[in-house]
Amino acid sequence: MELKIFTTFRTIVRTGSFTKAARLLSYTPSTITFHIAQLEKLTGVPLFEKSGRRMVLTKAGEALIPYVDEVLAAANKIKNFQYGIAAYQGTLTVGAPESLLCFRLPPLLKRLHAHAPRRRSASALAHEPRCRCGAQRRAARRRLRVRDP
């Protein structure tokens, strides 16, 4: 039993289509069909039935949704167990070239701050010898300064 089949099932339910799920998950339609066949074999009941050109969730499929959500949530907790960053605190200092400092780091540091609110601040120091524009560097430092609310 692989988590991929649960992810596939949940994506089909969310998008309402095997084709959209295949596109979203970067799978071929035959892989999506294979995953659902595996899940149906595992559960012993059909999860989808054909209604014209569409595949419709059966009652068993509807009943399976909360269990699949529990499995995926538990797997996510296990995957993120070692990264329990909510307890991290202190100051984070990042050194980066100015191009990264200006464009890539601000959204990443804001996300980090949302997940680790006890961290006092995030500072990025730009030092790029060929960069002569101190005003840009100072502006980037101000943009990256993240404080607790």
N, C-alpha and C. Protein backbone atom coordinates (compact mmCIF):
# COMPACT_ATOMS: atom_id res chain seq x y z
N MET A 1 0.85 -1.17 0.00
CA MET A 1 0.00 0.00 0.00
C MET A 1 0.90 1.24 0.00
N GLU A 2 0.71 2.10 -0.99
CA GLU A 2 1.50 3.31 -1.11
C GLU A 2 0.62 4.53 -0.93
N LEU A 3 1.21 5.58 -0.40
CA LEU A 3 0.46 6.82 -0.19
C LEU A 3 0.01 7.45 -1.49
N LYS A 4 0.73 7.14 -2.58
CA LYS A 4 0.36 7.71 -3.89
C LYS A 4 -1.09 7.41 -4.25
N ILE A 5 -1.56 6.21 -3.91
CA ILE A 5 -2.93 5.86 -4.30
C ILE A 5 -3.94 6.69 -3.53
N PHE A 6 -3.63 7.01 -2.27
CA PHE A 6 -4.52 7.86 -1.48
C PHE A 6 -4.49 9.29 -1.98
N THR A 7 -3.30 9.76 -2.33
CA THR A 7 -3.17 11.11 -2.89
C THR A 7 -3.93 11.21 -4.21
N THR A 8 -3.82 10.19 -5.03
CA THR A 8 -4.53 10.17 -6.31
C THR A 8 -6.04 10.21 -6.08
N PHE A 9 -6.53 9.38 -5.18
CA PHE A 9 -7.97 9.34 -4.89
C PHE A 9 -8.45 10.71 -4.42
N ARG A 10 -7.71 11.32 -3.48
CA ARG A 10 -8.12 12.61 -2.92
C ARG A 10 -8.09 13.70 -4.00
N THR A 11 -7.12 13.64 -4.89
CA THR A 11 -7.02 14.63 -5.95
C THR A 11 -8.18 14.49 -6.94
N ILE A 12 -8.56 13.25 -7.25
CA ILE A 12 -9.71 13.03 -8.14
C ILE A 12 -10.98 13.59 -7.49
N VAL A 13 -11.15 13.34 -6.21
CA VAL A 13 -12.34 13.85 -5.52
C VAL A 13 -12.34 15.38 -5.52
N ARG A 14 -11.16 15.97 -5.28
CA ARG A 14 -11.07 17.43 -5.22
C ARG A 14 -11.30 18.07 -6.58
N THR A 15 -10.71 17.49 -7.63
CA THR A 15 -10.83 18.10 -8.96
C THR A 15 -12.08 17.66 -9.70
N GLY A 16 -12.63 16.50 -9.32
CA GLY A 16 -13.84 15.99 -9.97
C GLY A 16 -13.58 15.30 -11.29
N SER A 17 -12.31 15.00 -11.58
CA SER A 17 -12.00 14.42 -12.89
C SER A 17 -10.70 13.63 -12.84
N PHE A 18 -10.70 12.47 -13.50
CA PHE A 18 -9.48 11.68 -13.62
C PHE A 18 -8.44 12.45 -14.42
N THR A 19 -8.88 13.10 -15.50
CA THR A 19 -7.97 13.82 -16.39
C THR A 19 -7.32 15.00 -15.68
N LYS A 20 -8.13 15.78 -14.95
CA LYS A 20 -7.57 16.93 -14.21
C LYS A 20 -6.61 16.46 -13.13
N ALA A 21 -6.95 15.36 -12.46
CA ALA A 21 -6.06 14.82 -11.44
C ALA A 21 -4.74 14.37 -12.06
N ALA A 22 -4.82 13.74 -13.22
CA ALA A 22 -3.60 13.30 -13.91
C ALA A 22 -2.71 14.49 -14.25
N ARG A 23 -3.32 15.55 -14.76
CA ARG A 23 -2.56 16.75 -15.09
C ARG A 23 -1.93 17.36 -13.85
N LEU A 24 -2.72 17.48 -12.79
CA LEU A 24 -2.25 18.11 -11.56
C LEU A 24 -1.12 17.31 -10.90
N LEU A 25 -1.22 15.99 -10.94
CA LEU A 25 -0.22 15.14 -10.30
C LEU A 25 0.93 14.76 -11.24
N SER A 26 0.85 15.21 -12.49
CA SER A 26 1.85 14.88 -13.52
C SER A 26 1.95 13.38 -13.75
N TYR A 27 0.80 12.72 -13.79
CA TYR A 27 0.71 11.30 -14.11
C TYR A 27 0.01 11.15 -15.45
N THR A 28 0.14 9.99 -16.04
CA THR A 28 -0.65 9.69 -17.23
C THR A 28 -2.02 9.22 -16.76
N PRO A 29 -3.05 9.36 -17.59
CA PRO A 29 -4.37 8.87 -17.20
C PRO A 29 -4.38 7.39 -16.83
N SER A 30 -3.55 6.59 -17.51
CA SER A 30 -3.51 5.16 -17.19
C SER A 30 -2.95 4.92 -15.78
N THR A 31 -2.03 5.77 -15.33
CA THR A 31 -1.50 5.65 -13.97
C THR A 31 -2.58 5.97 -12.95
N ILE A 32 -3.39 6.98 -13.23
CA ILE A 32 -4.50 7.33 -12.35
C ILE A 32 -5.47 6.15 -12.24
N THR A 33 -5.81 5.58 -13.38
CA THR A 33 -6.70 4.43 -13.40
C THR A 33 -6.10 3.26 -12.62
N PHE A 34 -4.81 3.04 -12.77
CA PHE A 34 -4.12 1.97 -12.06
C PHE A 34 -4.17 2.20 -10.55
N HIS A 35 -3.92 3.42 -10.11
CA HIS A 35 -3.97 3.74 -8.68
C HIS A 35 -5.36 3.47 -8.11
N ILE A 36 -6.40 3.87 -8.84
CA ILE A 36 -7.76 3.65 -8.35
C ILE A 36 -8.07 2.15 -8.33
N ALA A 37 -7.59 1.42 -9.32
CA ALA A 37 -7.79 -0.04 -9.33
C ALA A 37 -7.10 -0.67 -8.12
N GLN A 38 -5.92 -0.19 -7.76
CA GLN A 38 -5.24 -0.70 -6.58
C GLN A 38 -6.04 -0.40 -5.31
N LEU A 39 -6.57 0.81 -5.22
CA LEU A 39 -7.34 1.19 -4.04
C LEU A 39 -8.64 0.39 -3.96
N GLU A 40 -9.28 0.16 -5.09
CA GLU A 40 -10.49 -0.65 -5.12
C GLU A 40 -10.19 -2.09 -4.73
N LYS A 41 -9.05 -2.60 -5.15
CA LYS A 41 -8.64 -3.95 -4.76
C LYS A 41 -8.37 -4.01 -3.26
N LEU A 42 -7.76 -2.97 -2.72
CA LEU A 42 -7.46 -2.89 -1.29
C LEU A 42 -8.74 -2.83 -0.45
N THR A 43 -9.70 -2.01 -0.90
CA THR A 43 -10.94 -1.86 -0.13
C THR A 43 -11.95 -2.96 -0.44
N GLY A 44 -11.86 -3.55 -1.61
CA GLY A 44 -12.79 -4.61 -1.98
C GLY A 44 -14.13 -4.12 -2.50
N VAL A 45 -14.23 -2.82 -2.77
CA VAL A 45 -15.48 -2.25 -3.30
C VAL A 45 -15.16 -1.26 -4.41
N PRO A 46 -16.07 -1.10 -5.37
CA PRO A 46 -15.85 -0.08 -6.40
C PRO A 46 -16.02 1.32 -5.80
N LEU A 47 -15.11 2.21 -6.14
CA LEU A 47 -15.14 3.57 -5.61
C LEU A 47 -15.74 4.57 -6.59
N PHE A 48 -15.68 4.23 -7.87
CA PHE A 48 -16.24 5.09 -8.91
C PHE A 48 -17.08 4.22 -9.83
N GLU A 49 -18.11 4.84 -10.40
CA GLU A 49 -18.89 4.15 -11.43
C GLU A 49 -19.05 5.10 -12.61
N LYS A 50 -19.15 4.51 -13.77
CA LYS A 50 -19.25 5.30 -14.98
C LYS A 50 -20.70 5.76 -15.18
N SER A 51 -20.86 7.06 -15.41
CA SER A 51 -22.16 7.64 -15.68
C SER A 51 -22.03 8.46 -16.96
N GLY A 52 -22.36 7.84 -18.06
CA GLY A 52 -22.13 8.49 -19.36
C GLY A 52 -20.64 8.53 -19.62
N ARG A 53 -20.11 9.73 -19.83
CA ARG A 53 -18.68 9.89 -20.05
C ARG A 53 -17.93 10.24 -18.76
N ARG A 54 -18.66 10.40 -17.68
CA ARG A 54 -18.05 10.81 -16.40
C ARG A 54 -17.93 9.64 -15.44
N MET A 55 -16.97 9.75 -14.54
CA MET A 55 -16.83 8.80 -13.45
C MET A 55 -17.40 9.46 -12.20
N VAL A 56 -18.33 8.80 -11.55
CA VAL A 56 -19.01 9.36 -10.38
C VAL A 56 -18.62 8.54 -9.16
N LEU A 57 -18.40 9.22 -8.06
CA LEU A 57 -18.06 8.57 -6.80
C LEU A 57 -19.23 7.73 -6.30
N THR A 58 -18.97 6.50 -5.89
CA THR A 58 -20.02 5.65 -5.32
C THR A 58 -20.21 6.02 -3.85
N LYS A 59 -21.21 5.43 -3.22
CA LYS A 59 -21.42 5.65 -1.78
C LYS A 59 -20.20 5.19 -0.99
N ALA A 60 -19.63 4.05 -1.40
CA ALA A 60 -18.43 3.55 -0.73
C ALA A 60 -17.28 4.54 -0.89
N GLY A 61 -17.16 5.13 -2.07
CA GLY A 61 -16.14 6.13 -2.32
C GLY A 61 -16.32 7.35 -1.43
N GLU A 62 -17.56 7.78 -1.29
CA GLU A 62 -17.86 8.92 -0.42
C GLU A 62 -17.52 8.60 1.03
N ALA A 63 -17.81 7.36 1.44
CA ALA A 63 -17.53 6.96 2.83
C ALA A 63 -16.02 6.85 3.08
N LEU A 64 -15.26 6.62 2.03
CA LEU A 64 -13.81 6.45 2.16
C LEU A 64 -13.08 7.78 2.34
N ILE A 65 -13.66 8.87 1.90
CA ILE A 65 -12.99 10.18 1.91
C ILE A 65 -12.43 10.54 3.29
N PRO A 66 -13.21 10.46 4.39
CA PRO A 66 -12.63 10.86 5.69
C PRO A 66 -11.44 9.98 6.11
N TYR A 67 -11.48 8.70 5.75
CA TYR A 67 -10.38 7.80 6.10
C TYR A 67 -9.12 8.15 5.31
N VAL A 68 -9.31 8.46 4.05
CA VAL A 68 -8.16 8.87 3.22
C VAL A 68 -7.58 10.17 3.76
N ASP A 69 -8.44 11.10 4.15
CA ASP A 69 -7.96 12.35 4.73
C ASP A 69 -7.15 12.10 6.00
N GLU A 70 -7.60 11.18 6.84
CA GLU A 70 -6.87 10.83 8.06
C GLU A 70 -5.51 10.24 7.74
N VAL A 71 -5.46 9.34 6.77
CA VAL A 71 -4.19 8.70 6.39
C VAL A 71 -3.23 9.76 5.86
N LEU A 72 -3.70 10.64 5.00
CA LEU A 72 -2.82 11.68 4.43
C LEU A 72 -2.37 12.67 5.49
N ALA A 73 -3.27 13.01 6.42
CA ALA A 73 -2.89 13.93 7.51
C ALA A 73 -1.84 13.28 8.41
N ALA A 74 -2.03 12.01 8.74
CA ALA A 74 -1.05 11.30 9.57
C ALA A 74 0.30 11.20 8.86
N ALA A 75 0.27 10.91 7.57
CA ALA A 75 1.52 10.82 6.80
C ALA A 75 2.22 12.17 6.77
N ASN A 76 1.45 13.24 6.65
CA ASN A 76 2.03 14.58 6.64
C ASN A 76 2.67 14.91 7.99
N LYS A 77 2.02 14.52 9.08
CA LYS A 77 2.58 14.74 10.42
C LYS A 77 3.88 13.98 10.58
N ILE A 78 3.90 12.75 10.12
CA ILE A 78 5.12 11.94 10.21
C ILE A 78 6.23 12.56 9.38
N LYS A 79 5.89 12.98 8.17
CA LYS A 79 6.88 13.58 7.28
C LYS A 79 7.47 14.85 7.89
N ASN A 80 6.65 15.62 8.58
CA ASN A 80 7.11 16.89 9.15
C ASN A 80 7.54 16.78 10.60
N PHE A 81 7.56 15.57 11.15
CA PHE A 81 7.90 15.38 12.55
C PHE A 81 9.25 15.98 12.91
N GLN A 82 10.25 15.72 12.08
CA GLN A 82 11.59 16.21 12.38
C GLN A 82 11.72 17.72 12.17
N TYR A 83 10.74 18.31 11.52
CA TYR A 83 10.80 19.73 11.23
C TYR A 83 9.83 20.52 12.09
N GLY A 84 9.66 20.14 13.32
CA GLY A 84 8.74 20.84 14.22
C GLY A 84 9.29 22.22 14.53
N ILE A 85 9.28 23.10 13.56
CA ILE A 85 9.95 24.39 13.70
C ILE A 85 9.17 25.40 14.53
N ALA A 86 7.96 25.07 14.94
CA ALA A 86 7.20 26.02 15.74
C ALA A 86 7.93 26.32 17.05
N ALA A 87 8.72 25.37 17.53
CA ALA A 87 9.43 25.57 18.78
C ALA A 87 10.76 26.31 18.59
N TYR A 88 11.19 26.51 17.36
CA TYR A 88 12.44 27.20 17.11
C TYR A 88 12.32 28.65 17.55
N GLN A 89 13.38 29.15 18.11
CA GLN A 89 13.38 30.54 18.51
C GLN A 89 14.78 31.10 18.36
N GLY A 90 14.90 32.39 18.46
CA GLY A 90 16.19 33.02 18.28
C GLY A 90 16.22 33.85 17.02
N THR A 91 17.41 34.13 16.55
CA THR A 91 17.59 34.97 15.38
C THR A 91 18.18 34.15 14.25
N LEU A 92 17.64 34.32 13.10
CA LEU A 92 18.14 33.65 11.91
C LEU A 92 18.86 34.68 11.06
N THR A 93 20.09 34.39 10.69
CA THR A 93 20.85 35.26 9.81
C THR A 93 21.17 34.50 8.55
N VAL A 94 20.84 35.11 7.43
CA VAL A 94 21.05 34.48 6.13
C VAL A 94 21.93 35.38 5.30
N GLY A 95 22.96 34.81 4.70
CA GLY A 95 23.80 35.56 3.77
C GLY A 95 23.45 35.13 2.36
N ALA A 96 23.23 36.09 1.49
CA ALA A 96 22.82 35.75 0.12
C ALA A 96 23.24 36.85 -0.83
N PRO A 97 23.43 36.48 -2.09
CA PRO A 97 23.68 37.51 -3.11
C PRO A 97 22.46 38.43 -3.23
N GLU A 98 22.70 39.61 -3.69
CA GLU A 98 21.63 40.60 -3.72
C GLU A 98 20.43 40.18 -4.54
N SER A 99 20.67 39.48 -5.65
CA SER A 99 19.54 39.06 -6.49
C SER A 99 18.61 38.13 -5.70
N LEU A 100 19.16 37.20 -4.94
CA LEU A 100 18.33 36.33 -4.11
C LEU A 100 17.71 37.12 -2.97
N LEU A 101 18.49 38.00 -2.40
CA LEU A 101 18.04 38.80 -1.27
C LEU A 101 16.81 39.62 -1.63
N CYS A 102 16.81 40.18 -2.82
CA CYS A 102 15.71 41.06 -3.23
C CYS A 102 14.47 40.31 -3.69
N PHE A 103 14.68 39.20 -4.37
CA PHE A 103 13.54 38.59 -5.05
C PHE A 103 13.08 37.27 -4.46
N ARG A 104 13.97 36.45 -3.97
CA ARG A 104 13.58 35.10 -3.54
C ARG A 104 13.36 34.97 -2.04
N LEU A 105 14.19 35.62 -1.24
CA LEU A 105 14.13 35.38 0.20
C LEU A 105 12.94 35.99 0.93
N PRO A 106 12.46 37.19 0.58
CA PRO A 106 11.36 37.77 1.37
C PRO A 106 10.15 36.85 1.52
N PRO A 107 9.60 36.26 0.45
CA PRO A 107 8.44 35.39 0.66
C PRO A 107 8.78 34.13 1.46
N LEU A 108 9.98 33.61 1.27
CA LEU A 108 10.38 32.41 2.02
C LEU A 108 10.52 32.72 3.51
N LEU A 109 11.11 33.85 3.83
CA LEU A 109 11.28 34.21 5.23
C LEU A 109 9.95 34.54 5.90
N LYS A 110 9.03 35.11 5.15
CA LYS A 110 7.70 35.37 5.72
C LYS A 110 6.98 34.07 6.02
N ARG A 111 7.13 33.07 5.14
CA ARG A 111 6.54 31.76 5.40
C ARG A 111 7.18 31.10 6.62
N LEU A 112 8.50 31.23 6.72
CA LEU A 112 9.20 30.68 7.88
C LEU A 112 8.70 31.33 9.16
N HIS A 113 8.52 32.63 9.13
CA HIS A 113 8.03 33.35 10.30
C HIS A 113 6.62 32.89 10.68
N ALA A 114 5.80 32.60 9.70
CA ALA A 114 4.45 32.12 10.00
C ALA A 114 4.48 30.76 10.68
N HIS A 115 5.47 29.94 10.34
CA HIS A 115 5.58 28.61 10.93
C HIS A 115 6.39 28.60 12.22
N ALA A 116 7.22 29.59 12.43
CA ALA A 116 8.06 29.64 13.63
C ALA A 116 7.94 31.03 14.25
N PRO A 117 6.80 31.31 14.87
CA PRO A 117 6.55 32.66 15.37
C PRO A 117 7.44 33.09 16.53
N ARG A 118 8.10 32.15 17.22
CA ARG A 118 8.96 32.52 18.35
C ARG A 118 10.31 33.06 17.90
N ARG A 119 10.61 32.86 16.64
CA ARG A 119 11.86 33.37 16.12
C ARG A 119 11.77 34.88 16.10
N ARG A 120 12.73 35.57 16.73
CA ARG A 120 12.64 37.02 16.90
C ARG A 120 12.72 37.79 15.60
N SER A 121 13.64 37.46 14.75
CA SER A 121 13.77 38.22 13.51
C SER A 121 14.52 37.40 12.48
N ALA A 122 14.43 37.84 11.26
CA ALA A 122 15.18 37.22 10.19
C ALA A 122 15.93 38.32 9.46
N SER A 123 17.21 38.19 9.40
CA SER A 123 18.02 39.20 8.74
C SER A 123 18.78 38.57 7.60
N ALA A 124 18.89 39.27 6.53
CA ALA A 124 19.70 38.78 5.43
C ALA A 124 20.75 39.82 5.12
N LEU A 125 21.95 39.39 5.01
CA LEU A 125 23.05 40.30 4.72
C LEU A 125 23.52 40.06 3.30
N ALA A 126 23.49 41.09 2.52
CA ALA A 126 23.93 40.95 1.13
C ALA A 126 25.34 41.49 1.02
N HIS A 127 26.21 40.68 0.47
CA HIS A 127 27.55 41.16 0.18
C HIS A 127 27.94 40.60 -1.17
N GLU A 128 27.95 41.48 -2.12
CA GLU A 128 28.33 41.09 -3.47
C GLU A 128 29.33 42.13 -3.94
N PRO A 129 30.59 41.77 -4.08
CA PRO A 129 31.63 42.76 -4.35
C PRO A 129 31.35 43.66 -5.55
N ARG A 130 30.76 43.14 -6.60
CA ARG A 130 30.54 43.98 -7.78
C ARG A 130 29.30 44.87 -7.65
N CYS A 131 28.57 44.72 -6.56
CA CYS A 131 27.38 45.55 -6.35
C CYS A 131 27.80 46.83 -5.65
N ARG A 132 27.54 47.96 -6.25
CA ARG A 132 27.93 49.24 -5.68
C ARG A 132 26.72 49.99 -5.10
N CYS A 133 25.56 49.41 -5.21
CA CYS A 133 24.34 50.13 -4.84
C CYS A 133 23.95 49.83 -3.39
N GLY A 134 24.47 50.60 -2.48
CA GLY A 134 24.17 50.40 -1.06
C GLY A 134 22.71 50.66 -0.74
N ALA A 135 22.06 51.56 -1.48
CA ALA A 135 20.66 51.88 -1.22
C ALA A 135 19.78 50.66 -1.47
N GLN A 136 20.06 49.93 -2.55
CA GLN A 136 19.29 48.71 -2.83
C GLN A 136 19.50 47.68 -1.73
N ARG A 137 20.73 47.55 -1.28
CA ARG A 137 21.04 46.59 -0.23
C ARG A 137 20.31 46.95 1.06
N ARG A 138 20.33 48.24 1.42
CA ARG A 138 19.63 48.67 2.65
C ARG A 138 18.13 48.45 2.52
N ALA A 139 17.57 48.73 1.33
CA ALA A 139 16.14 48.52 1.11
C ALA A 139 15.79 47.04 1.24
N ALA A 140 16.64 46.19 0.71
CA ALA A 140 16.40 44.75 0.81
C ALA A 140 16.46 44.30 2.26
N ARG A 141 17.39 44.84 3.02
CA ARG A 141 17.47 44.49 4.45
C ARG A 141 16.20 44.89 5.17
N ARG A 142 15.68 46.08 4.85
CA ARG A 142 14.43 46.52 5.50
C ARG A 142 13.28 45.61 5.13
N ARG A 143 13.20 45.19 3.85
CA ARG A 143 12.11 44.31 3.43
C ARG A 143 12.19 42.96 4.12
N LEU A 144 13.39 42.50 4.42
CA LEU A 144 13.54 41.18 5.00
C LEU A 144 13.38 41.17 6.51
N ARG A 145 13.41 42.31 7.13
CA ARG A 145 13.29 42.36 8.58
C ARG A 145 11.89 41.90 8.96
N VAL A 146 11.81 40.81 9.67
CA VAL A 146 10.51 40.23 10.07
C VAL A 146 10.46 40.26 11.58
N ARG A 147 9.49 40.89 12.13
CA ARG A 147 9.34 41.02 13.58
C ARG A 147 8.07 40.31 14.03
N ASP A 148 8.06 39.89 15.28
CA ASP A 148 6.84 39.34 15.85
C ASP A 148 5.80 40.45 15.95
N PRO A 149 4.53 40.10 15.74
CA PRO A 149 3.47 41.12 15.82
C PRO A 149 3.28 41.62 17.23
